[in-house]
Amino acid sequence: MGANTREEIVFGKIALMLRGMAMGIAEVIPGVSGGTIAFITGIYEKLLATITRFDLSLLSTFKESGIAGLWDRINGRFLLFLFGGMFLGVVAGIVGVSYLLEHYPEPLWGFFFGLILASALYFMRQSIGEGDIKNILLFLFGCVLAYMIVSISPVRGSENLLYVFFSGALAICALILPGISGSFILLLLGMYTVIIPGIKSLATDFSSSTAIMIVVFALGCLTGILLFSRILSYTFKNYEKPTIALMAGFMLGSLKKIWPWRNPTEVMHKETGNAVDINSFLSDPKNEMYKLVQEATVLPADYIGEVRMLPVILCFVLGFALIFLMLRFRDS
């Protein structure tokens, strides 16, 4: 009996780390959110509830119960294995996914297109019933809003600390909001070329002004996730189906961002933020100093790259089927 219990505990830890890895890999992909994976794998509401435990009352818990009591209060074991898995997922994503994006982007996008489409359909099934006009309208609103977000052109970034704080608060929300990735939010705000090079430069050429900017950005992230998790936790408790319907719309509307066949329309230099000629980008797409900003979705016949129709279809089916396998595993 005890052995079975220990096996179940070990299996639970491994399963939680695998969920975290999937979230971490998803966050590496532009247009894919770790929040989607958290919801599909059944830990979304627990993650929100755990994040909302972080408040000033933790000081009282620490004084009364010490580190052990504080660890239990913040659900430390859950966070340890989840974020440990996320870290491994991010590392694996940077290595593996970056390689696939460079050499086989179309099948990879096909896989994620199938995965997100299946997720959106599952969300719709959970939230929209026959004649449920209110949730249908929320779903449509989410579709339109997400489509508009992924279609707008990025603004120019700023090192103004208030704007940096705001950018961090907004971008981190994508970590727990299915449909749109944090890296894409940074890109829209024009802060991708400010924050990412800033973080890299701290390791080689330390600057106090850059360090302050990164600290302010981190504080923005912390503030954003603490506030937004409470909002989402409240809406899930009181308006669960309308919230899920809105999220389903966000996911479906954001599919434009991960359509397998997209031609570049706007490219910028990572460090300067200046526009780069499209022909220059096409002649040297592997140049690490280029950042693809905007693309136009096209039919395979109009795609300027290698279409890879059969691999895309197979990967789409794999991604679509994987969601339902994950759901079956979750409910078993």
C-alpha atoms as a PDB file:
ATOM      1  CA  MET A   1       0.000   0.000   0.000  1.00  0.00           C
ATOM      2  CA  GLY A   2       2.789   2.360   1.024  1.00  0.00           C
ATOM      3  CA  ALA A   3       4.810   1.440  -2.061  1.00  0.00           C
ATOM      4  CA  ASN A   4       1.865   2.278  -4.297  1.00  0.00           C
ATOM      5  CA  THR A   5       1.489   5.604  -2.526  1.00  0.00           C
ATOM      6  CA  ARG A   6       5.148   6.426  -3.045  1.00  0.00           C
ATOM      7  CA  GLU A   7       4.882   5.402  -6.695  1.00  0.00           C
ATOM      8  CA  GLU A   8       1.873   7.656  -7.136  1.00  0.00           C
ATOM      9  CA  ILE A   9       3.737  10.561  -5.536  1.00  0.00           C
ATOM     10  CA  VAL A  10       6.779  10.037  -7.775  1.00  0.00           C
ATOM     11  CA  PHE A  11       4.553   9.673 -10.842  1.00  0.00           C
ATOM     12  CA  GLY A  12       2.725  12.868  -9.866  1.00  0.00           C
ATOM     13  CA  LYS A  13       5.996  14.799  -9.606  1.00  0.00           C
ATOM     14  CA  ILE A  14       7.193  13.519 -12.977  1.00  0.00           C
ATOM     15  CA  ALA A  15       3.831  14.330 -14.578  1.00  0.00           C
ATOM     16  CA  LEU A  16       3.946  17.850 -13.128  1.00  0.00           C
ATOM     17  CA  MET A  17       7.469  18.408 -14.445  1.00  0.00           C
ATOM     18  CA  LEU A  18       6.388  17.195 -17.891  1.00  0.00           C
ATOM     19  CA  ARG A  19       3.506  19.689 -17.820  1.00  0.00           C
ATOM     20  CA  GLY A  20       5.988  22.400 -16.887  1.00  0.00           C
ATOM     21  CA  MET A  21       8.308  21.354 -19.715  1.00  0.00           C
ATOM     22  CA  ALA A  22       5.431  21.581 -22.187  1.00  0.00           C
ATOM     23  CA  MET A  23       4.614  25.075 -20.888  1.00  0.00           C
ATOM     24  CA  GLY A  24       8.257  26.122 -21.166  1.00  0.00           C
ATOM     25  CA  ILE A  25       8.552  24.867 -24.742  1.00  0.00           C
ATOM     26  CA  ALA A  26       5.300  26.659 -25.638  1.00  0.00           C
ATOM     27  CA  GLU A  27       6.618  29.958 -24.285  1.00  0.00           C
ATOM     28  CA  VAL A  28       9.614  29.738 -26.629  1.00  0.00           C
ATOM     29  CA  ILE A  29       7.297  29.626 -29.653  1.00  0.00           C
ATOM     30  CA  PRO A  30       6.070  33.045 -30.831  1.00  0.00           C
ATOM     31  CA  GLY A  31       2.264  32.986 -30.828  1.00  0.00           C
ATOM     32  CA  VAL A  32       1.923  29.990 -28.482  1.00  0.00           C
ATOM     33  CA  SER A  33       1.103  30.471 -24.798  1.00  0.00           C
ATOM     34  CA  GLY A  34       2.062  28.302 -21.844  1.00  0.00           C
ATOM     35  CA  GLY A  35      -1.342  29.135 -20.392  1.00  0.00           C
ATOM     36  CA  THR A  36      -2.945  26.994 -23.082  1.00  0.00           C
ATOM     37  CA  ILE A  37      -0.882  23.972 -22.034  1.00  0.00           C
ATOM     38  CA  ALA A  38      -1.652  24.610 -18.343  1.00  0.00           C
ATOM     39  CA  PHE A  39      -5.379  24.593 -19.056  1.00  0.00           C
ATOM     40  CA  ILE A  40      -5.339  21.513 -21.274  1.00  0.00           C
ATOM     41  CA  THR A  41      -3.272  19.514 -18.765  1.00  0.00           C
ATOM     42  CA  GLY A  42      -5.607  20.384 -15.902  1.00  0.00           C
ATOM     43  CA  ILE A  43      -3.369  22.565 -13.712  1.00  0.00           C
ATOM     44  CA  TYR A  44      -4.572  26.006 -14.823  1.00  0.00           C
ATOM     45  CA  GLU A  45      -6.855  26.820 -11.899  1.00  0.00           C
ATOM     46  CA  LYS A  46      -4.386  25.358  -9.387  1.00  0.00           C
ATOM     47  CA  LEU A  47      -1.646  27.538 -10.870  1.00  0.00           C
ATOM     48  CA  LEU A  48      -3.833  30.645 -10.570  1.00  0.00           C
ATOM     49  CA  ALA A  49      -4.819  29.774  -7.003  1.00  0.00           C
ATOM     50  CA  THR A  50      -1.163  29.239  -6.058  1.00  0.00           C
ATOM     51  CA  ILE A  51      -0.019  32.553  -7.530  1.00  0.00           C
ATOM     52  CA  THR A  52      -2.783  34.428  -5.660  1.00  0.00           C
ATOM     53  CA  ARG A  53      -1.349  33.163  -2.370  1.00  0.00           C
ATOM     54  CA  PHE A  54       1.554  35.578  -2.753  1.00  0.00           C
ATOM     55  CA  ASP A  55       0.623  38.643  -0.703  1.00  0.00           C
ATOM     56  CA  LEU A  56       1.710  40.522   2.421  1.00  0.00           C
ATOM     57  CA  SER A  57       0.083  37.929   4.689  1.00  0.00           C
ATOM     58  CA  LEU A  58       3.026  35.653   3.897  1.00  0.00           C
ATOM     59  CA  LEU A  59       5.060  37.699   6.391  1.00  0.00           C
ATOM     60  CA  SER A  60       2.693  36.700   9.176  1.00  0.00           C
ATOM     61  CA  THR A  61       2.817  33.074   8.048  1.00  0.00           C
ATOM     62  CA  PHE A  62       6.609  33.142   8.178  1.00  0.00           C
ATOM     63  CA  LYS A  63       6.629  34.648  11.687  1.00  0.00           C
ATOM     64  CA  GLU A  64       4.121  32.112  13.007  1.00  0.00           C
ATOM     65  CA  SER A  65       5.130  28.920  11.193  1.00  0.00           C
ATOM     66  CA  GLY A  66       8.618  29.522   9.850  1.00  0.00           C
ATOM     67  CA  ILE A  67       9.955  28.353   6.504  1.00  0.00           C
ATOM     68  CA  ALA A  68       8.014  25.070   6.610  1.00  0.00           C
ATOM     69  CA  GLY A  69       4.708  26.873   7.082  1.00  0.00           C
ATOM     70  CA  LEU A  70       5.575  29.400   4.396  1.00  0.00           C
ATOM     71  CA  TRP A  71       6.499  26.580   1.989  1.00  0.00           C
ATOM     72  CA  ASP A  72       3.137  24.909   2.532  1.00  0.00           C
ATOM     73  CA  ARG A  73       1.263  28.196   2.212  1.00  0.00           C
ATOM     74  CA  ILE A  74       2.693  29.008  -1.218  1.00  0.00           C
ATOM     75  CA  ASN A  75       2.320  25.391  -2.400  1.00  0.00           C
ATOM     76  CA  GLY A  76       6.093  25.263  -2.761  1.00  0.00           C
ATOM     77  CA  ARG A  77       6.344  21.663  -3.944  1.00  0.00           C
ATOM     78  CA  PHE A  78       3.923  22.341  -6.785  1.00  0.00           C
ATOM     79  CA  LEU A  79       5.822  25.449  -7.873  1.00  0.00           C
ATOM     80  CA  LEU A  80       9.217  23.744  -7.546  1.00  0.00           C
ATOM     81  CA  PHE A  81       8.404  20.892  -9.913  1.00  0.00           C
ATOM     82  CA  LEU A  82       6.303  22.995 -12.284  1.00  0.00           C
ATOM     83  CA  PHE A  83       8.860  25.788 -12.713  1.00  0.00           C
ATOM     84  CA  GLY A  84      11.700  23.278 -12.701  1.00  0.00           C
ATOM     85  CA  GLY A  85      10.013  21.603 -15.643  1.00  0.00           C
ATOM     86  CA  MET A  86       9.411  24.974 -17.294  1.00  0.00           C
ATOM     87  CA  PHE A  87      13.104  25.800 -17.035  1.00  0.00           C
ATOM     88  CA  LEU A  88      14.020  22.511 -18.712  1.00  0.00           C
ATOM     89  CA  GLY A  89      11.340  23.151 -21.320  1.00  0.00           C
ATOM     90  CA  VAL A  90      12.680  26.594 -22.129  1.00  0.00           C
ATOM     91  CA  VAL A  91      16.212  25.190 -22.517  1.00  0.00           C
ATOM     92  CA  ALA A  92      14.950  22.319 -24.688  1.00  0.00           C
ATOM     93  CA  GLY A  93      12.813  24.741 -26.662  1.00  0.00           C
ATOM     94  CA  ILE A  94      15.674  27.132 -27.320  1.00  0.00           C
ATOM     95  CA  VAL A  95      17.833  24.262 -28.594  1.00  0.00           C
ATOM     96  CA  GLY A  96      15.333  21.973 -30.310  1.00  0.00           C
ATOM     97  CA  VAL A  97      12.606  24.335 -31.412  1.00  0.00           C
ATOM     98  CA  SER A  98      15.100  26.909 -32.645  1.00  0.00           C
ATOM     99  CA  TYR A  99      16.623  24.220 -34.870  1.00  0.00           C
ATOM    100  CA  LEU A 100      13.204  23.231 -36.236  1.00  0.00           C
ATOM    101  CA  LEU A 101      12.226  26.860 -36.803  1.00  0.00           C
ATOM    102  CA  GLU A 102      15.411  27.359 -38.786  1.00  0.00           C
ATOM    103  CA  HIS A 103      15.263  24.191 -40.898  1.00  0.00           C
ATOM    104  CA  TYR A 104      11.641  22.975 -40.886  1.00  0.00           C
ATOM    105  CA  PRO A 105       9.411  25.939 -39.931  1.00  0.00           C
ATOM    106  CA  GLU A 106       6.347  24.931 -41.955  1.00  0.00           C
ATOM    107  CA  PRO A 107       5.814  21.465 -40.344  1.00  0.00           C
ATOM    108  CA  LEU A 108       6.486  22.963 -36.896  1.00  0.00           C
ATOM    109  CA  TRP A 109       3.863  25.665 -37.437  1.00  0.00           C
ATOM    110  CA  GLY A 110       1.506  22.978 -38.768  1.00  0.00           C
ATOM    111  CA  PHE A 111       1.963  21.028 -35.530  1.00  0.00           C
ATOM    112  CA  PHE A 112       1.206  24.043 -33.344  1.00  0.00           C
ATOM    113  CA  PHE A 113      -1.681  25.099 -35.574  1.00  0.00           C
ATOM    114  CA  GLY A 114      -3.300  21.709 -35.006  1.00  0.00           C
ATOM    115  CA  LEU A 115      -2.539  21.856 -31.291  1.00  0.00           C
ATOM    116  CA  ILE A 116      -4.036  25.322 -30.777  1.00  0.00           C
ATOM    117  CA  LEU A 117      -7.051  24.620 -33.008  1.00  0.00           C
ATOM    118  CA  ALA A 118      -7.873  21.460 -31.035  1.00  0.00           C
ATOM    119  CA  SER A 119      -7.429  23.398 -27.784  1.00  0.00           C
ATOM    120  CA  ALA A 120      -9.799  26.148 -28.951  1.00  0.00           C
ATOM    121  CA  LEU A 121     -12.420  23.579 -29.985  1.00  0.00           C
ATOM    122  CA  TYR A 122     -12.125  21.920 -26.577  1.00  0.00           C
ATOM    123  CA  PHE A 123     -12.538  25.296 -24.856  1.00  0.00           C
ATOM    124  CA  MET A 124     -15.632  25.985 -26.983  1.00  0.00           C
ATOM    125  CA  ARG A 125     -17.139  22.610 -26.103  1.00  0.00           C
ATOM    126  CA  GLN A 126     -16.601  23.325 -22.403  1.00  0.00           C
ATOM    127  CA  SER A 127     -18.151  26.792 -22.447  1.00  0.00           C
ATOM    128  CA  ILE A 128     -20.720  27.217 -25.221  1.00  0.00           C
ATOM    129  CA  GLY A 129     -24.043  25.407 -25.062  1.00  0.00           C
ATOM    130  CA  GLU A 130     -26.997  25.441 -27.409  1.00  0.00           C
ATOM    131  CA  GLY A 131     -28.611  28.884 -27.449  1.00  0.00           C
ATOM    132  CA  ASP A 132     -25.974  30.336 -25.099  1.00  0.00           C
ATOM    133  CA  ILE A 133     -25.932  33.785 -26.713  1.00  0.00           C
ATOM    134  CA  LYS A 134     -23.844  35.511 -24.029  1.00  0.00           C
ATOM    135  CA  ASN A 135     -20.947  33.076 -24.259  1.00  0.00           C
ATOM    136  CA  ILE A 136     -21.144  33.008 -28.050  1.00  0.00           C
ATOM    137  CA  LEU A 137     -20.786  36.801 -28.106  1.00  0.00           C
ATOM    138  CA  LEU A 138     -17.831  36.629 -25.698  1.00  0.00           C
ATOM    139  CA  PHE A 139     -16.231  33.990 -27.901  1.00  0.00           C
ATOM    140  CA  LEU A 140     -16.667  36.166 -31.004  1.00  0.00           C
ATOM    141  CA  PHE A 141     -15.310  39.204 -29.134  1.00  0.00           C
ATOM    142  CA  GLY A 142     -12.221  37.207 -28.133  1.00  0.00           C
ATOM    143  CA  CYS A 143     -11.725  36.096 -31.746  1.00  0.00           C
ATOM    144  CA  VAL A 144     -11.895  39.641 -33.108  1.00  0.00           C
ATOM    145  CA  LEU A 145      -9.715  41.123 -30.369  1.00  0.00           C
ATOM    146  CA  ALA A 146      -6.979  38.500 -30.729  1.00  0.00           C
ATOM    147  CA  TYR A 147      -7.028  38.795 -34.521  1.00  0.00           C
ATOM    148  CA  MET A 148      -6.635  42.573 -34.252  1.00  0.00           C
ATOM    149  CA  ILE A 149      -3.780  42.224 -31.756  1.00  0.00           C
ATOM    150  CA  VAL A 150      -1.775  39.839 -33.942  1.00  0.00           C
ATOM    151  CA  SER A 151      -2.411  42.042 -36.998  1.00  0.00           C
ATOM    152  CA  ILE A 152      -1.279  45.433 -35.689  1.00  0.00           C
ATOM    153  CA  SER A 153       2.183  46.808 -36.347  1.00  0.00           C
ATOM    154  CA  PRO A 154       4.594  47.155 -33.425  1.00  0.00           C
ATOM    155  CA  VAL A 155       5.210  50.553 -31.877  1.00  0.00           C
ATOM    156  CA  ARG A 156       8.676  51.906 -31.140  1.00  0.00           C
ATOM    157  CA  GLY A 157      10.010  50.943 -27.737  1.00  0.00           C
ATOM    158  CA  SER A 158      11.201  53.252 -24.987  1.00  0.00           C
ATOM    159  CA  GLU A 159      13.585  53.098 -22.055  1.00  0.00           C
ATOM    160  CA  ASN A 160      11.269  55.270 -19.974  1.00  0.00           C
ATOM    161  CA  LEU A 161      11.036  53.328 -16.707  1.00  0.00           C
ATOM    162  CA  LEU A 162       7.262  53.749 -16.425  1.00  0.00           C
ATOM    163  CA  TYR A 163       6.817  52.286 -19.917  1.00  0.00           C
ATOM    164  CA  VAL A 164       9.296  49.501 -19.104  1.00  0.00           C
ATOM    165  CA  PHE A 165       7.278  48.649 -15.969  1.00  0.00           C
ATOM    166  CA  PHE A 166       4.025  48.664 -17.936  1.00  0.00           C
ATOM    167  CA  SER A 167       5.543  46.433 -20.631  1.00  0.00           C
ATOM    168  CA  GLY A 168       6.646  43.858 -18.086  1.00  0.00           C
ATOM    169  CA  ALA A 169       3.244  43.857 -16.382  1.00  0.00           C
ATOM    170  CA  LEU A 170       1.433  43.349 -19.683  1.00  0.00           C
ATOM    171  CA  ALA A 171       3.810  40.803 -21.237  1.00  0.00           C
ATOM    172  CA  ILE A 172       3.836  38.488 -18.218  1.00  0.00           C
ATOM    173  CA  CYS A 173       0.032  38.194 -18.399  1.00  0.00           C
ATOM    174  CA  ALA A 174       0.496  36.135 -21.557  1.00  0.00           C
ATOM    175  CA  LEU A 175       2.182  33.458 -19.429  1.00  0.00           C
ATOM    176  CA  ILE A 176      -1.190  32.565 -17.913  1.00  0.00           C
ATOM    177  CA  LEU A 177      -3.499  33.801 -20.683  1.00  0.00           C
ATOM    178  CA  PRO A 178      -4.092  31.200 -23.414  1.00  0.00           C
ATOM    179  CA  GLY A 179      -3.705  32.406 -26.981  1.00  0.00           C
ATOM    180  CA  ILE A 180      -0.921  34.997 -27.142  1.00  0.00           C
ATOM    181  CA  SER A 181       2.717  34.663 -26.090  1.00  0.00           C
ATOM    182  CA  GLY A 182       4.661  37.089 -23.930  1.00  0.00           C
ATOM    183  CA  SER A 183       7.406  37.498 -26.516  1.00  0.00           C
ATOM    184  CA  PHE A 184       4.810  38.638 -29.046  1.00  0.00           C
ATOM    185  CA  ILE A 185       3.412  41.224 -26.596  1.00  0.00           C
ATOM    186  CA  LEU A 186       6.946  42.575 -26.091  1.00  0.00           C
ATOM    187  CA  LEU A 187       7.329  42.789 -29.847  1.00  0.00           C
ATOM    188  CA  LEU A 188       4.081  44.739 -30.239  1.00  0.00           C
ATOM    189  CA  LEU A 189       5.120  47.173 -27.519  1.00  0.00           C
ATOM    190  CA  GLY A 190       8.464  47.685 -29.232  1.00  0.00           C
ATOM    191  CA  MET A 191      10.287  46.378 -26.169  1.00  0.00           C
ATOM    192  CA  TYR A 192      11.712  43.183 -27.642  1.00  0.00           C
ATOM    193  CA  THR A 193      14.708  45.105 -28.994  1.00  0.00           C
ATOM    194  CA  VAL A 194      15.128  46.890 -25.665  1.00  0.00           C
ATOM    195  CA  ILE A 195      14.719  44.159 -23.046  1.00  0.00           C
ATOM    196  CA  ILE A 196      16.318  41.129 -24.745  1.00  0.00           C
ATOM    197  CA  PRO A 197      19.585  42.875 -25.747  1.00  0.00           C
ATOM    198  CA  GLY A 198      19.602  44.543 -22.330  1.00  0.00           C
ATOM    199  CA  ILE A 199      19.515  41.205 -20.521  1.00  0.00           C
ATOM    200  CA  LYS A 200      22.258  39.809 -22.755  1.00  0.00           C
ATOM    201  CA  SER A 201      24.469  42.867 -22.285  1.00  0.00           C
ATOM    202  CA  LEU A 202      24.458  42.594 -18.480  1.00  0.00           C
ATOM    203  CA  ALA A 203      26.597  39.463 -18.677  1.00  0.00           C
ATOM    204  CA  THR A 204      29.287  41.042 -20.876  1.00  0.00           C
ATOM    205  CA  ASP A 205      29.091  44.808 -20.474  1.00  0.00           C
ATOM    206  CA  PHE A 206      27.445  45.716 -17.156  1.00  0.00           C
ATOM    207  CA  SER A 207      25.690  49.066 -17.031  1.00  0.00           C
ATOM    208  CA  SER A 208      23.889  50.462 -14.001  1.00  0.00           C
ATOM    209  CA  SER A 209      21.210  52.103 -16.158  1.00  0.00           C
ATOM    210  CA  THR A 210      20.550  48.837 -17.993  1.00  0.00           C
ATOM    211  CA  ALA A 211      20.470  46.930 -14.697  1.00  0.00           C
ATOM    212  CA  ILE A 212      17.910  49.382 -13.281  1.00  0.00           C
ATOM    213  CA  MET A 213      15.778  49.002 -16.412  1.00  0.00           C
ATOM    214  CA  ILE A 214      15.822  45.185 -16.123  1.00  0.00           C
ATOM    215  CA  VAL A 215      14.949  45.365 -12.413  1.00  0.00           C
ATOM    216  CA  VAL A 216      12.015  47.689 -13.187  1.00  0.00           C
ATOM    217  CA  PHE A 217      10.893  45.306 -15.947  1.00  0.00           C
ATOM    218  CA  ALA A 218      11.072  42.377 -13.498  1.00  0.00           C
ATOM    219  CA  LEU A 219       9.026  44.347 -10.948  1.00  0.00           C
ATOM    220  CA  GLY A 220       6.479  45.011 -13.675  1.00  0.00           C
ATOM    221  CA  CYS A 221       6.325  41.291 -14.429  1.00  0.00           C
ATOM    222  CA  LEU A 222       5.857  40.493 -10.748  1.00  0.00           C
ATOM    223  CA  THR A 223       3.131  43.114 -10.336  1.00  0.00           C
ATOM    224  CA  GLY A 224       1.368  42.043 -13.524  1.00  0.00           C
ATOM    225  CA  ILE A 225       1.213  38.357 -12.719  1.00  0.00           C
ATOM    226  CA  LEU A 226       0.087  38.946  -9.129  1.00  0.00           C
ATOM    227  CA  LEU A 227      -2.727  41.283 -10.201  1.00  0.00           C
ATOM    228  CA  PHE A 228      -3.810  39.444 -13.332  1.00  0.00           C
ATOM    229  CA  SER A 229      -3.829  36.031 -11.632  1.00  0.00           C
ATOM    230  CA  ARG A 230      -6.280  37.415  -9.076  1.00  0.00           C
ATOM    231  CA  ILE A 231      -8.538  38.765 -11.802  1.00  0.00           C
ATOM    232  CA  LEU A 232      -8.526  35.449 -13.657  1.00  0.00           C
ATOM    233  CA  SER A 233      -8.994  33.475 -10.438  1.00  0.00           C
ATOM    234  CA  TYR A 234     -12.035  35.599  -9.579  1.00  0.00           C
ATOM    235  CA  THR A 235     -13.580  35.250 -13.026  1.00  0.00           C
ATOM    236  CA  PHE A 236     -13.013  31.480 -13.024  1.00  0.00           C
ATOM    237  CA  LYS A 237     -14.716  31.115  -9.657  1.00  0.00           C
ATOM    238  CA  ASN A 238     -17.690  33.333 -10.510  1.00  0.00           C
ATOM    239  CA  TYR A 239     -17.941  33.242 -14.330  1.00  0.00           C
ATOM    240  CA  GLU A 240     -16.200  30.049 -15.368  1.00  0.00           C
ATOM    241  CA  LYS A 241     -17.918  29.345 -18.690  1.00  0.00           C
ATOM    242  CA  PRO A 242     -17.910  32.967 -19.944  1.00  0.00           C
ATOM    243  CA  THR A 243     -14.193  33.178 -19.102  1.00  0.00           C
ATOM    244  CA  ILE A 244     -13.434  29.957 -20.981  1.00  0.00           C
ATOM    245  CA  ALA A 245     -15.526  31.148 -23.946  1.00  0.00           C
ATOM    246  CA  LEU A 246     -13.497  34.367 -24.110  1.00  0.00           C
ATOM    247  CA  MET A 247     -10.250  32.379 -23.942  1.00  0.00           C
ATOM    248  CA  ALA A 248     -11.450  30.081 -26.735  1.00  0.00           C
ATOM    249  CA  GLY A 249     -11.991  33.181 -28.868  1.00  0.00           C
ATOM    250  CA  PHE A 250      -8.507  34.450 -28.046  1.00  0.00           C
ATOM    251  CA  MET A 251      -6.986  31.157 -29.127  1.00  0.00           C
ATOM    252  CA  LEU A 252      -8.950  30.884 -32.364  1.00  0.00           C
ATOM    253  CA  GLY A 253      -8.326  34.531 -33.274  1.00  0.00           C
ATOM    254  CA  SER A 254      -4.586  34.185 -32.720  1.00  0.00           C
ATOM    255  CA  LEU A 255      -4.256  31.274 -35.180  1.00  0.00           C
ATOM    256  CA  LYS A 256      -3.282  33.782 -37.849  1.00  0.00           C
ATOM    257  CA  LYS A 257       0.060  34.145 -36.082  1.00  0.00           C
ATOM    258  CA  ILE A 258       0.942  30.457 -36.501  1.00  0.00           C
ATOM    259  CA  TRP A 259      -0.471  29.695 -39.976  1.00  0.00           C
ATOM    260  CA  PRO A 260       2.212  27.488 -41.623  1.00  0.00           C
ATOM    261  CA  TRP A 261       2.557  29.572 -44.802  1.00  0.00           C
ATOM    262  CA  ARG A 262       3.386  33.227 -44.140  1.00  0.00           C
ATOM    263  CA  ASN A 263       5.435  35.620 -46.257  1.00  0.00           C
ATOM    264  CA  PRO A 264       7.472  38.339 -44.475  1.00  0.00           C
ATOM    265  CA  THR A 265       6.238  41.915 -44.884  1.00  0.00           C
ATOM    266  CA  GLU A 266       8.214  43.748 -42.188  1.00  0.00           C
ATOM    267  CA  VAL A 267      11.642  43.024 -40.717  1.00  0.00           C
ATOM    268  CA  MET A 268      13.697  45.059 -38.269  1.00  0.00           C
ATOM    269  CA  HIS A 269      17.244  45.160 -36.933  1.00  0.00           C
ATOM    270  CA  LYS A 270      17.278  43.697 -33.414  1.00  0.00           C
ATOM    271  CA  GLU A 271      19.615  46.267 -31.871  1.00  0.00           C
ATOM    272  CA  THR A 272      18.540  49.462 -33.618  1.00  0.00           C
ATOM    273  CA  GLY A 273      14.890  48.657 -34.258  1.00  0.00           C
ATOM    274  CA  ASN A 274      15.234  50.099 -37.772  1.00  0.00           C
ATOM    275  CA  ALA A 275      13.370  48.540 -40.703  1.00  0.00           C
ATOM    276  CA  VAL A 276      15.292  46.068 -42.867  1.00  0.00           C
ATOM    277  CA  ASP A 277      14.691  45.639 -46.586  1.00  0.00           C
ATOM    278  CA  ILE A 278      12.639  42.469 -47.212  1.00  0.00           C
ATOM    279  CA  ASN A 279      14.979  41.362 -50.011  1.00  0.00           C
ATOM    280  CA  SER A 280      17.949  41.630 -47.662  1.00  0.00           C
ATOM    281  CA  PHE A 281      16.143  39.439 -45.175  1.00  0.00           C
ATOM    282  CA  LEU A 282      15.166  36.867 -47.808  1.00  0.00           C
ATOM    283  CA  SER A 283      18.753  36.648 -49.033  1.00  0.00           C
ATOM    284  CA  ASP A 284      20.027  36.055 -45.482  1.00  0.00           C
ATOM    285  CA  PRO A 285      17.116  34.891 -43.268  1.00  0.00           C
ATOM    286  CA  LYS A 286      19.491  33.239 -40.750  1.00  0.00           C
ATOM    287  CA  ASN A 287      21.108  36.557 -39.847  1.00  0.00           C
ATOM    288  CA  GLU A 288      20.775  36.743 -36.059  1.00  0.00           C
ATOM    289  CA  MET A 289      20.587  40.534 -36.171  1.00  0.00           C
ATOM    290  CA  TYR A 290      17.252  40.427 -38.035  1.00  0.00           C
ATOM    291  CA  LYS A 291      13.894  40.157 -36.288  1.00  0.00           C
ATOM    292  CA  LEU A 292      10.798  39.249 -38.293  1.00  0.00           C
ATOM    293  CA  VAL A 293       8.012  41.628 -37.238  1.00  0.00           C
ATOM    294  CA  GLN A 294       5.061  41.209 -39.594  1.00  0.00           C
ATOM    295  CA  GLU A 295       3.989  38.481 -41.990  1.00  0.00           C
ATOM    296  CA  ALA A 296       1.113  37.982 -44.418  1.00  0.00           C
ATOM    297  CA  THR A 297      -0.769  34.684 -44.362  1.00  0.00           C
ATOM    298  CA  VAL A 298      -0.900  33.175 -47.852  1.00  0.00           C
ATOM    299  CA  LEU A 299      -2.069  30.011 -49.582  1.00  0.00           C
ATOM    300  CA  PRO A 300       0.588  27.349 -50.225  1.00  0.00           C
ATOM    301  CA  ALA A 301       0.636  28.291 -53.925  1.00  0.00           C
ATOM    302  CA  ASP A 302       1.708  31.864 -53.037  1.00  0.00           C
ATOM    303  CA  TYR A 303       4.284  30.894 -50.408  1.00  0.00           C
ATOM    304  CA  ILE A 304       7.819  32.017 -51.223  1.00  0.00           C
ATOM    305  CA  GLY A 305       9.464  29.247 -49.191  1.00  0.00           C
ATOM    306  CA  GLU A 306       9.360  25.451 -49.387  1.00  0.00           C
ATOM    307  CA  VAL A 307       5.694  24.388 -49.032  1.00  0.00           C
ATOM    308  CA  ARG A 308       6.263  20.887 -47.541  1.00  0.00           C
ATOM    309  CA  MET A 309       2.547  20.110 -47.824  1.00  0.00           C
ATOM    310  CA  LEU A 310       2.591  16.473 -46.692  1.00  0.00           C
ATOM    311  CA  PRO A 311       4.812  17.033 -43.595  1.00  0.00           C
ATOM    312  CA  VAL A 312       2.659  20.044 -42.620  1.00  0.00           C
ATOM    313  CA  ILE A 313      -0.552  17.999 -42.841  1.00  0.00           C
ATOM    314  CA  LEU A 314       0.959  15.109 -40.871  1.00  0.00           C
ATOM    315  CA  CYS A 315       2.251  17.462 -38.162  1.00  0.00           C
ATOM    316  CA  PHE A 316      -1.114  19.233 -38.030  1.00  0.00           C
ATOM    317  CA  VAL A 317      -2.881  15.912 -37.434  1.00  0.00           C
ATOM    318  CA  LEU A 318      -0.279  14.987 -34.795  1.00  0.00           C
ATOM    319  CA  GLY A 319      -0.751  18.284 -32.938  1.00  0.00           C
ATOM    320  CA  PHE A 320      -4.537  18.019 -33.149  1.00  0.00           C
ATOM    321  CA  ALA A 321      -4.535  14.420 -31.857  1.00  0.00           C
ATOM    322  CA  LEU A 322      -2.020  15.179 -29.096  1.00  0.00           C
ATOM    323  CA  ILE A 323      -4.472  17.508 -27.336  1.00  0.00           C
ATOM    324  CA  PHE A 324      -7.108  14.805 -27.035  1.00  0.00           C
ATOM    325  CA  LEU A 325      -4.495  12.309 -25.860  1.00  0.00           C
ATOM    326  CA  MET A 326      -3.428  14.798 -23.176  1.00  0.00           C
ATOM    327  CA  LEU A 327      -7.073  15.275 -22.155  1.00  0.00           C
ATOM    328  CA  ARG A 328      -7.603  11.541 -21.915  1.00  0.00           C
ATOM    329  CA  PHE A 329      -4.427  11.203 -19.838  1.00  0.00           C
ATOM    330  CA  ARG A 330      -5.552  14.066 -17.602  1.00  0.00           C
ATOM    331  CA  ASP A 331      -8.981  12.567 -16.951  1.00  0.00           C
ATOM    332  CA  SER A 332      -7.750   9.001 -16.402  1.00  0.00           C
END
